[in-house]
């Protein structure tokens, strides 16, 4: 490579403040204030959660939309991304917390039915490979809603469909998977998630993530028991493999929709690894001399499969220098170094007022980027 400095901005969103695309734009603007002719490539990234479709579209995928059921059944317009016969589907587009009315939670009744409709829309669009990004869900139904939208039937003792949501699974008597869309057997389905929890138990979907979705301690117990019962009924319908899937890494992702995806034959992979492949990160990295990654909060969770850790690991393996931008920094220099990040630049180093950092994240991030330019590029 020649001596030209080339920067690759591969950051995730700053949740509640900036999209991944806006992060890249602001960082680029700040760098070019100091080095006007600098070569900067932007590759917004995501780890399978909300923002995954936007990252794919920014990388050149076509944005498609479909009318599907939201988590409470009301119709919403949800997007997926398509490039050739590869689709990126984000469950949060249909069944995410952002689809609930402000301040409203429905831990027992929220359904993933719309996520199944979104998968069906990707099949209708000709997808042969589907990257199914899961995270940010409003639901804890084990993917039962999704499977229903794809042709499965979940019946109570009277032969009637059980009510939507995880709570209704307590009444499940029989599961019929014979009507599942036959096209599912012909596609490669990749379950992309940044969590590896099992379906049930103390590290399961209900116990770990239920409270984030409004579940009370009693609701958590109810949901965990309902999901365990659901897995037992599915074992009768699908055989012993259903029990293995319930204990598998990723089964508990996004309220257990990971379990439903595994039943469909999905292959579980860490979300950021999948997305870096899909977005063409390796080719972009090859040209870069400095990589800038980041997300809203760099903390202990970052080190467990979040986008900046994945970017840094890949960049370090290629011998590239990495720095990070963030709203808030809660990692020691030693932890950053172990993750492959040379230095982190939090917004709070420029503006100590956290509320102002959130409200004015864009301009503050530009100022942070000028510091990076002075430290590494000028």
Protein backbone atom coordinates (compact mmCIF):
# COMPACT_ATOMS: atom_id res chain seq x y z
CA UNK A 1 0.00 0.00 0.00
CA UNK A 2 1.23 3.56 -0.74
CA UNK A 3 1.78 6.12 2.03
CA UNK A 4 -1.68 7.69 1.70
CA UNK A 5 -3.70 7.73 4.91
CA UNK A 6 -7.11 6.15 4.43
CA UNK A 7 -9.72 5.98 7.16
CA UNK A 8 -12.53 3.45 7.41
CA UNK A 9 -15.43 4.53 9.64
CA UNK A 10 -17.21 1.33 10.71
CA UNK A 11 -19.34 2.32 13.69
CA UNK A 12 -22.73 1.28 15.01
CA UNK A 13 -25.50 3.70 15.97
CA UNK A 14 -25.50 5.87 19.09
CA UNK A 15 -28.84 4.60 20.32
CA UNK A 16 -31.33 7.42 20.89
CA UNK A 17 -29.04 10.01 19.29
CA UNK A 18 -27.51 9.10 15.92
CA UNK A 19 -27.96 6.37 13.36
CA UNK A 20 -24.86 4.50 12.20
CA UNK A 21 -25.03 6.48 8.94
CA UNK A 22 -25.13 9.78 10.85
CA UNK A 23 -22.20 8.69 13.02
CA UNK A 24 -20.14 8.06 9.89
CA UNK A 25 -21.16 11.42 8.39
CA UNK A 26 -20.25 13.38 11.52
CA UNK A 27 -16.93 11.59 12.01
CA UNK A 28 -16.04 12.20 8.36
CA UNK A 29 -16.89 15.90 8.65
CA UNK A 30 -14.76 16.29 11.77
CA UNK A 31 -11.76 14.50 10.26
CA UNK A 32 -11.90 16.63 7.13
CA UNK A 33 -11.94 19.85 9.13
CA UNK A 34 -8.33 19.00 9.98
CA UNK A 35 -7.29 17.04 6.86
CA UNK A 36 -9.53 18.35 4.02
CA UNK A 37 -8.35 15.91 1.35
CA UNK A 38 -8.46 12.83 3.58
CA UNK A 39 -9.75 9.61 2.01
CA UNK A 40 -12.60 8.35 4.19
CA UNK A 41 -14.75 5.29 3.52
CA UNK A 42 -17.94 4.85 5.52
CA UNK A 43 -19.29 1.40 6.30
CA UNK A 44 -22.05 1.69 8.93
CA UNK A 45 -22.30 -1.57 10.86
CA UNK A 46 -24.80 -3.38 13.08
CA UNK A 47 -24.79 -6.55 15.15
CA UNK A 48 -28.16 -7.97 14.15
CA UNK A 49 -30.30 -5.73 16.34
CA UNK A 50 -32.17 -2.60 15.36
CA UNK A 51 -30.31 -0.71 12.64
CA UNK A 52 -29.24 -3.85 10.79
CA UNK A 53 -31.39 -3.20 7.72
CA UNK A 54 -30.24 0.43 7.61
CA UNK A 55 -26.61 -0.73 7.65
CA UNK A 56 -27.26 -3.12 4.77
CA UNK A 57 -29.00 -0.39 2.74
CA UNK A 58 -26.09 1.99 3.38
CA UNK A 59 -23.79 -0.73 1.99
CA UNK A 60 -25.76 -0.91 -1.26
CA UNK A 61 -28.66 -3.27 -0.56
CA UNK A 62 -32.09 -2.30 -1.88
CA UNK A 63 -34.63 -1.28 0.75
CA UNK A 64 -37.91 -3.18 0.45
CA UNK A 65 -41.02 -2.71 2.56
CA UNK A 66 -43.96 -4.87 3.56
CA UNK A 67 -47.13 -4.33 5.59
CA UNK A 68 -46.98 -6.71 8.56
CA UNK A 69 -48.41 -7.12 12.04
CA UNK A 70 -46.72 -5.18 14.82
CA UNK A 71 -46.16 -6.79 18.23
CA UNK A 72 -49.73 -5.95 19.33
CA UNK A 73 -51.31 -6.95 16.01
CA UNK A 74 -51.72 -3.49 14.52
CA UNK A 75 -50.37 -3.30 10.96
CA UNK A 76 -47.06 -1.51 10.44
CA UNK A 77 -44.76 -0.86 7.49
CA UNK A 78 -41.54 -2.79 8.01
CA UNK A 79 -38.38 -2.80 5.90
CA UNK A 80 -35.94 -5.49 4.84
CA UNK A 81 -32.90 -5.29 2.58
CA UNK A 82 -32.21 -7.23 -0.61
CA UNK A 83 -29.17 -7.66 -2.81
CA UNK A 84 -29.45 -10.31 -5.50
CA UNK A 85 -30.83 -13.37 -3.73
CA UNK A 86 -29.56 -12.34 -0.28
CA UNK A 87 -31.95 -10.66 2.13
CA UNK A 88 -31.30 -9.02 5.49
CA UNK A 89 -34.34 -9.21 7.74
CA UNK A 90 -34.44 -7.44 11.09
CA UNK A 91 -37.03 -8.77 13.53
CA UNK A 92 -37.15 -5.43 15.38
CA UNK A 93 -38.61 -3.84 12.24
CA UNK A 94 -41.79 -5.84 12.83
CA UNK A 95 -41.68 -6.92 16.47
CA UNK A 96 -39.34 -4.47 18.19
CA UNK A 97 -39.86 -2.33 21.25
CA UNK A 98 -39.97 0.73 19.02
CA UNK A 99 -43.21 -0.65 17.54
CA UNK A 100 -45.01 -0.30 20.87
CA UNK A 101 -46.78 2.93 21.80
CA UNK A 102 -44.67 5.14 24.06
CA UNK A 103 -44.65 3.86 27.61
CA UNK A 104 -46.64 0.72 26.73
CA UNK A 105 -45.29 -2.79 27.32
CA UNK A 106 -46.99 -6.10 26.65
CA UNK A 107 -44.66 -8.80 28.01
CA UNK A 108 -47.30 -11.56 28.02
CA UNK A 109 -49.12 -10.78 24.77
CA UNK A 110 -46.63 -9.24 22.32
CA UNK A 111 -46.20 -11.49 19.28
CA UNK A 112 -43.55 -12.12 16.64
CA UNK A 113 -46.18 -12.81 13.97
CA UNK A 114 -45.04 -9.82 11.92
CA UNK A 115 -41.46 -11.10 11.91
CA UNK A 116 -42.70 -14.26 10.23
CA UNK A 117 -44.58 -12.15 7.68
CA UNK A 118 -41.37 -10.23 7.01
CA UNK A 119 -39.48 -13.48 6.41
CA UNK A 120 -42.25 -14.53 4.04
CA UNK A 121 -41.90 -11.22 2.18
CA UNK A 122 -38.19 -11.92 1.74
CA UNK A 123 -39.02 -15.36 0.35
CA UNK A 124 -41.55 -13.77 -2.02
CA UNK A 125 -38.81 -11.39 -3.19
CA UNK A 126 -36.69 -14.37 -4.26
CA UNK A 127 -34.26 -14.58 -1.35
CA UNK A 128 -32.23 -17.79 -1.19
CA UNK A 129 -30.07 -16.65 1.72
CA UNK A 130 -31.69 -14.79 4.60
CA UNK A 131 -29.69 -13.13 7.34
CA UNK A 132 -32.17 -12.88 10.21
CA UNK A 133 -30.99 -10.24 12.65
CA UNK A 134 -32.65 -10.53 16.04
CA UNK A 135 -32.55 -8.12 18.96
CA UNK A 136 -34.47 -5.22 20.42
CA UNK A 137 -37.67 -7.27 20.60
CA UNK A 138 -40.88 -6.40 22.44
CA UNK A 139 -41.71 -10.10 22.61
CA UNK A 140 -41.13 -13.25 24.65
CA UNK A 141 -43.09 -15.81 22.64
CA UNK A 142 -40.32 -18.21 21.66
CA UNK A 143 -40.91 -17.38 18.01
CA UNK A 144 -44.39 -18.97 18.08
CA UNK A 145 -45.92 -15.97 16.34
CA UNK A 146 -43.24 -16.06 13.65
CA UNK A 147 -43.78 -19.78 13.07
CA UNK A 148 -47.56 -19.22 12.89
CA UNK A 149 -47.11 -16.62 10.15
CA UNK A 150 -45.03 -19.18 8.25
CA UNK A 151 -47.71 -21.86 8.44
CA UNK A 152 -47.37 -23.59 11.82
CA UNK A 153 -50.39 -24.10 14.08
CA UNK A 154 -50.38 -23.90 17.87
CA UNK A 155 -53.57 -25.28 19.39
CA UNK A 156 -55.09 -25.50 22.85
CA UNK A 157 -56.97 -28.47 24.31
CA UNK A 158 -60.10 -27.56 22.36
CA UNK A 159 -58.24 -27.45 19.06
CA UNK A 160 -58.37 -23.64 18.94
CA UNK A 161 -55.34 -21.42 18.29
CA UNK A 162 -53.70 -20.26 21.52
CA UNK A 163 -53.76 -16.52 22.19
CA UNK A 164 -50.77 -14.52 20.88
CA UNK A 165 -47.72 -13.91 23.03
CA UNK A 166 -45.67 -15.89 25.49
CA UNK A 167 -48.42 -15.99 28.08
CA UNK A 168 -50.73 -17.90 25.75
CA UNK A 169 -48.21 -20.72 25.35
CA UNK A 170 -49.19 -22.01 28.80
CA UNK A 171 -52.41 -23.27 27.16
CA UNK A 172 -50.62 -25.03 24.31
CA UNK A 173 -51.67 -28.65 23.84
CA UNK A 174 -50.47 -29.46 20.32
CA UNK A 175 -48.16 -28.02 17.69
CA UNK A 176 -48.58 -28.78 14.00
CA UNK A 177 -45.58 -27.87 11.84
CA UNK A 178 -46.78 -29.68 8.71
CA UNK A 179 -47.99 -26.47 7.09
CA UNK A 180 -44.70 -24.58 7.27
CA UNK A 181 -43.81 -22.77 4.05
CA UNK A 182 -41.92 -25.37 1.95
CA UNK A 183 -39.57 -22.69 0.63
CA UNK A 184 -37.93 -22.56 4.07
CA UNK A 185 -36.31 -25.93 3.37
CA UNK A 186 -34.60 -24.48 0.30
CA UNK A 187 -33.03 -21.33 1.76
CA UNK A 188 -29.99 -20.72 3.92
CA UNK A 189 -31.25 -19.06 7.08
CA UNK A 190 -28.63 -17.42 9.29
CA UNK A 191 -29.60 -16.42 12.83
CA UNK A 192 -27.56 -13.30 13.56
CA UNK A 193 -27.50 -12.24 17.19
CA UNK A 194 -25.18 -10.71 19.75
CA UNK A 195 -26.50 -12.92 22.58
CA UNK A 196 -26.04 -16.65 23.15
CA UNK A 197 -28.62 -17.31 25.88
CA UNK A 198 -30.64 -20.55 25.97
CA UNK A 199 -34.43 -20.44 25.78
CA UNK A 200 -35.26 -20.98 29.46
CA UNK A 201 -33.78 -21.00 32.94
CA UNK A 202 -31.84 -18.37 34.90
CA UNK A 203 -29.96 -17.27 31.77
CA UNK A 204 -32.96 -17.68 29.47
CA UNK A 205 -35.05 -15.25 27.46
CA UNK A 206 -37.54 -14.43 30.22
CA UNK A 207 -35.17 -14.12 33.17
CA UNK A 208 -32.50 -12.03 31.47
CA UNK A 209 -34.46 -9.89 29.03
CA UNK A 210 -38.08 -10.03 30.19
CA UNK A 211 -37.74 -7.10 32.62
CA UNK A 212 -36.52 -4.86 29.77
CA UNK A 213 -39.86 -5.55 28.09
CA UNK A 214 -41.97 -4.67 31.09
CA UNK A 215 -42.18 -8.13 32.68
CA UNK A 216 -42.72 -8.14 36.44
CA UNK A 217 -41.04 -10.83 38.57
CA UNK A 218 -44.29 -12.82 38.42
CA UNK A 219 -44.45 -12.34 34.64
CA UNK A 220 -40.90 -13.67 34.31
CA UNK A 221 -41.87 -16.85 36.17
CA UNK A 222 -45.02 -17.22 34.05
CA UNK A 223 -43.16 -16.70 30.78
CA UNK A 224 -40.30 -19.04 31.66
CA UNK A 225 -42.74 -21.81 32.54
CA UNK A 226 -44.75 -21.17 29.38
CA UNK A 227 -41.62 -21.32 27.20
CA UNK A 228 -40.49 -24.56 28.89
CA UNK A 229 -43.94 -26.05 28.22
CA UNK A 230 -43.82 -24.79 24.62
CA UNK A 231 -40.46 -26.53 24.09
CA UNK A 232 -41.88 -29.78 25.50
CA UNK A 233 -44.86 -29.64 23.13
CA UNK A 234 -42.56 -28.92 20.20
CA UNK A 235 -40.41 -31.88 21.18
CA UNK A 236 -43.49 -34.04 20.62
CA UNK A 237 -44.06 -32.37 17.23
CA UNK A 238 -40.49 -32.08 15.94
CA UNK A 239 -38.63 -34.80 17.83
CA UNK A 240 -35.68 -34.71 20.24
CA UNK A 241 -33.89 -32.02 18.23
CA UNK A 242 -36.38 -29.49 19.64
CA UNK A 243 -35.01 -30.08 23.14
CA UNK A 244 -31.47 -29.59 21.88
CA UNK A 245 -32.44 -26.34 20.18
CA UNK A 246 -33.95 -25.00 23.42
CA UNK A 247 -30.58 -25.38 25.15
CA UNK A 248 -28.53 -24.15 22.18
CA UNK A 249 -26.69 -20.81 22.13
CA UNK A 250 -28.91 -18.12 20.66
CA UNK A 251 -32.21 -19.88 21.41
CA UNK A 252 -33.10 -17.20 23.94
CA UNK A 253 -32.28 -14.30 21.63
CA UNK A 254 -35.00 -11.69 21.16
CA UNK A 255 -37.52 -13.29 23.48
CA UNK A 256 -36.82 -16.79 22.21
CA UNK A 257 -37.34 -16.08 18.52
CA UNK A 258 -33.89 -17.63 18.15
CA UNK A 259 -35.41 -20.93 19.20
CA UNK A 260 -38.07 -20.64 16.51
CA UNK A 261 -35.40 -19.84 13.92
CA UNK A 262 -33.31 -22.85 14.96
CA UNK A 263 -36.39 -25.04 14.49
CA UNK A 264 -36.55 -23.73 10.92
CA UNK A 265 -32.98 -24.93 10.34
CA UNK A 266 -31.20 -21.63 10.96
CA UNK A 267 -27.47 -21.57 11.63
CA UNK A 268 -26.51 -19.38 14.58
CA UNK A 269 -23.63 -16.93 14.12
CA UNK A 270 -22.57 -13.85 16.08
CA UNK A 271 -24.43 -10.97 14.47
CA UNK A 272 -21.45 -8.71 13.89
CA UNK A 273 -19.48 -11.49 12.15
CA UNK A 274 -22.38 -12.14 9.79
CA UNK A 275 -22.91 -8.45 9.07
CA UNK A 276 -19.22 -7.78 8.40
CA UNK A 277 -19.34 -10.56 5.80
CA UNK A 278 -22.57 -9.27 4.25
CA UNK A 279 -21.40 -5.65 4.18
CA UNK A 280 -18.07 -6.40 2.49
CA UNK A 281 -15.96 -5.29 5.44
CA UNK A 282 -12.85 -7.28 4.46
CA UNK A 283 -12.45 -5.45 1.16
CA UNK A 284 -12.98 -2.05 2.78
CA UNK A 285 -10.52 -2.92 5.55
CA UNK A 286 -7.81 -3.87 3.11
CA UNK A 287 -7.51 -0.28 1.88
CA UNK A 288 -7.64 1.37 5.32
CA UNK A 289 -4.70 2.58 7.40
CA UNK A 290 -6.89 3.62 10.37
CA UNK A 291 -10.25 2.19 11.45
CA UNK A 292 -12.73 4.17 13.55
CA UNK A 293 -15.47 2.15 15.19
CA UNK A 294 -17.85 2.84 18.06
CA UNK A 295 -21.34 2.87 19.55
CA UNK A 296 -23.32 4.86 22.09
CA UNK A 297 -21.86 3.19 25.17
CA UNK A 298 -18.54 1.36 25.27
CA UNK A 299 -18.93 -0.89 28.30
CA UNK A 300 -18.67 -4.50 29.42
CA UNK A 301 -21.46 -5.52 27.04
CA UNK A 302 -19.42 -4.21 24.12
CA UNK A 303 -16.88 -6.96 24.69
CA UNK A 304 -19.52 -9.70 24.30
CA UNK A 305 -20.36 -9.67 20.62
CA UNK A 306 -21.24 -6.02 20.04
CA UNK A 307 -20.28 -4.32 16.78
CA UNK A 308 -17.18 -2.37 17.93
CA UNK A 309 -15.58 -5.50 19.40
CA UNK A 310 -16.19 -7.40 16.17
CA UNK A 311 -14.79 -4.60 14.04
CA UNK A 312 -11.75 -4.23 16.27
CA UNK A 313 -11.03 -7.97 16.30
CA UNK A 314 -11.17 -8.18 12.51
CA UNK A 315 -9.05 -5.05 12.11
CA UNK A 316 -6.45 -6.23 14.61
CA UNK A 317 -6.18 -9.56 12.80
CA UNK A 318 -5.39 -7.57 9.66
CA UNK A 319 -2.78 -5.45 11.45
CA UNK A 320 -4.81 -2.23 11.33
CA UNK A 321 -4.89 0.46 13.99
CA UNK A 322 -8.30 1.01 15.61
CA UNK A 323 -9.77 3.87 17.64
CA UNK A 324 -13.31 4.20 18.89
CA UNK A 325 -15.88 6.93 19.38
CA UNK A 326 -18.70 6.65 21.89
CA UNK A 327 -21.14 8.66 23.93
CA UNK A 328 -20.05 7.12 27.20
CA UNK A 329 -16.89 5.17 28.06
CA UNK A 330 -16.97 2.56 30.84
CA UNK A 331 -13.96 0.44 29.83
CA UNK A 332 -10.43 0.72 31.18
CA UNK A 333 -7.48 1.36 28.86
CA UNK A 334 -6.44 -2.24 29.52
CA UNK A 335 -9.85 -3.60 28.46
CA UNK A 336 -9.78 -1.46 25.34
CA UNK A 337 -6.30 -2.67 24.48
CA UNK A 338 -7.33 -6.30 24.98
CA UNK A 339 -10.21 -5.72 22.56
CA UNK A 340 -7.83 -4.29 19.94
CA UNK A 341 -8.84 -0.63 20.42
CA UNK A 342 -5.90 1.74 20.72
CA UNK A 343 -7.88 4.62 22.24
CA UNK A 344 -11.50 5.61 22.82
CA UNK A 345 -12.93 9.10 22.46
CA UNK A 346 -16.17 9.63 24.42
CA UNK A 347 -18.43 12.62 23.81
CA UNK A 348 -18.36 13.25 27.55
CA UNK A 349 -14.66 14.19 27.28
CA UNK A 350 -15.77 17.21 25.24
CA UNK A 351 -19.14 17.87 26.92
CA UNK A 352 -19.45 16.48 30.50
CA UNK A 353 -23.22 17.11 30.58
CA UNK A 354 -24.72 13.76 29.49
CA UNK A 355 -28.11 15.25 28.57
CA UNK A 356 -26.39 17.75 26.29
CA UNK A 357 -24.27 14.97 24.78
CA UNK A 358 -27.44 13.13 23.83
CA UNK A 359 -29.23 16.23 22.53
CA UNK A 360 -26.26 17.60 20.58
CA UNK A 361 -24.50 14.33 19.75
CA UNK A 362 -23.83 15.23 16.10
CA UNK A 363 -21.89 18.48 16.55
CA UNK A 364 -20.05 17.11 19.59
CA UNK A 365 -19.04 14.00 17.65
CA UNK A 366 -17.59 16.22 14.92
CA UNK A 367 -15.45 17.94 17.55
CA UNK A 368 -14.32 14.55 18.87
CA UNK A 369 -13.36 13.55 15.34
CA UNK A 370 -11.14 16.62 15.00
CA UNK A 371 -9.22 15.38 18.04
CA UNK A 372 -8.73 12.00 16.38
CA UNK A 373 -7.47 13.75 13.26
CA UNK A 374 -4.95 15.77 15.28
CA UNK A 375 -3.82 12.70 17.24
CA UNK A 376 -3.54 10.20 14.38
CA UNK A 377 -3.65 11.97 11.01
CA UNK A 378 -2.31 15.52 11.09
